Amino acid sequence: MIRKFINRFFVSLFIVALLGLFSACGGSPHWGTSAGVDLTWGPNGPKVRPNVSVGVYNGGHW
């Protein structure tokens, strides 16, 4: 009877620790990439320039 209680206690403790680990990883930095084109207007007409950016996002959830 006591052994069953101890086993449940350690399993519950492991699950709580695992959930805490997952919640701590939620605030870690994320890599973000984006690609597209920039359209700028000048005196000789429009210019299209490719745009690729890579950055680190560290501000909450997406």
Protein backbone atom coordinates (compact mmCIF):
# COMPACT_ATOMS: atom_id res chain seq x y z
CA MET A 1 0.00 0.00 0.00
CA ILE A 2 2.75 2.47 0.90
CA ARG A 3 4.80 1.41 -2.13
CA LYS A 4 1.83 2.16 -4.41
CA PHE A 5 1.52 5.63 -2.86
CA ILE A 6 5.24 6.30 -3.33
CA ASN A 7 5.07 5.21 -6.98
CA ARG A 8 2.11 7.53 -7.63
CA PHE A 9 3.90 10.37 -5.88
CA PHE A 10 7.03 10.02 -8.04
CA VAL A 11 5.03 9.68 -11.25
CA SER A 12 3.04 12.80 -10.36
CA LEU A 13 6.23 14.67 -9.51
CA PHE A 14 7.77 13.64 -12.84
CA ILE A 15 4.71 14.84 -14.77
CA VAL A 16 4.71 18.21 -12.97
CA ALA A 17 8.45 18.64 -13.66
CA LEU A 18 7.92 17.75 -17.33
CA LEU A 19 5.10 20.29 -17.66
CA GLY A 20 7.30 22.93 -16.03
CA LEU A 21 10.05 22.16 -18.52
CA PHE A 22 7.69 22.57 -21.48
CA SER A 23 6.36 25.86 -20.18
CA ALA A 24 9.91 27.15 -19.67
CA CYS A 25 10.79 26.30 -23.27
CA GLY A 26 7.87 28.37 -24.53
CA GLY A 27 9.69 31.63 -23.79
CA SER A 28 12.94 30.65 -25.45
CA PRO A 29 14.06 32.50 -28.58
CA HIS A 30 12.66 31.37 -31.92
CA TRP A 31 14.32 31.63 -35.29
CA GLY A 32 12.24 33.43 -37.86
CA THR A 33 12.70 33.86 -41.58
CA SER A 34 10.82 35.83 -44.17
CA ALA A 35 11.18 36.38 -47.90
CA GLY A 36 9.46 38.68 -50.32
CA VAL A 37 9.89 41.60 -52.67
CA ASP A 38 10.06 45.32 -52.00
CA LEU A 39 8.49 47.65 -54.54
CA THR A 40 9.89 51.18 -54.52
CA TRP A 41 8.87 54.01 -56.80
CA GLY A 42 11.47 56.34 -58.16
CA PRO A 43 11.79 58.97 -60.89
CA ASN A 44 12.42 56.27 -63.54
CA GLY A 45 9.51 54.04 -62.52
CA PRO A 46 9.08 51.17 -60.09
CA LYS A 47 11.96 49.02 -58.87
CA VAL A 48 11.47 45.54 -57.50
CA ARG A 49 14.08 44.31 -55.02
CA PRO A 50 14.13 40.89 -53.38
CA ASN A 51 14.07 40.88 -49.58
CA VAL A 52 15.23 37.98 -47.38
CA SER A 53 15.57 38.34 -43.60
CA VAL A 54 16.58 36.01 -40.80
CA GLY A 55 16.10 36.99 -37.18
CA VAL A 56 15.54 35.84 -33.62
CA TYR A 57 12.13 36.40 -32.10
CA ASN A 58 11.99 36.51 -28.29
CA GLY A 59 8.68 38.14 -27.48
CA GLY A 60 6.02 35.64 -26.49
CA HIS A 61 4.01 33.44 -28.81
CA TRP A 62 3.72 33.73 -32.60
